[in-house]
Amino acid sequence: MYGRTPILPLDYQENDVTISHDSEHEKKLNQFLTKLNKQARINIIKNQERYKQRYGTNRSDPSYNVGDLILVKTLNIHSKFNARYEGPFRIIENLIPKTFIVQHIKKPTLHRQVTTDVLLPICEQHYYALNYPPFEPSSYELIFINYRTIEETLIQLIKIINSSTLFIMDTESVCAYKKPNKPALIQVQIITHQLNSYILIIEAYHLPRPHVSTFTLIQQLFESLFQT
């Protein structure tokens, strides 16, 4: 059976069993284990590099310099309505890569040691807001023109238009289903030489009737506007 004579339980067997011994077995075994360890180490390093590359595909790697404005993440947030970032801070010292000393802008005595994982750069708009006063537009007057507008107001506006050279115009319309849009508002900004502004809101649906004198003055207003 299977190329040899079968041994049955009742057959006589010798007490001494001889096993061949290879003197190089221990050496070969150590070499094999060493080779396995090296191969396992190489596979682990390759997998780590692949995991790192996949993890860092969409991960930002921000860099900060001394003098940059940043916000610092609030570590202990007790409520979702609490501020997530504190600041603004300015980086005043770079201790080691990814570790900085920051100083609060409004509280110069407040210093903190932070790392890049809790920092958020302040965009350019915040920088301008911190270093420059807010923009204040020049004075303007808002005037609605409709059937209630009196003649004196229209006459004064015509005079202002005739003495000005800079105008800005915009229109608004009403959208109707499967119908052409209908004009609703005409917005005109008159900028005078003194940089004062008059903003006219002409309500197209609420103008005076054609036979009324104010309607004629509104026509003259537009004639002066386009002729100027």
Foldseek 3Di string as FASTA:
>chain_A
DVPDDDDDPPDDDDPDDDDDDDPCVVVVVVVVVVVVVVVVVVVVVVVVVVVVCVVCPPPDDDDDDAFFWKWFADDDDPDPPDDGTDAGWGFHADDDAQWTWIAHPVHRVDIDIGGPVGIGGDDPVVVCVVVDPDDDADAEAEEEAFQPDDPVVLVVLLVQLLQFDDKDKDWDWDDDPPDDTHTAWIWMWTQHPVRYIYIYIYGPVGHDDPVDPVVVSVVSSVVSNVVD
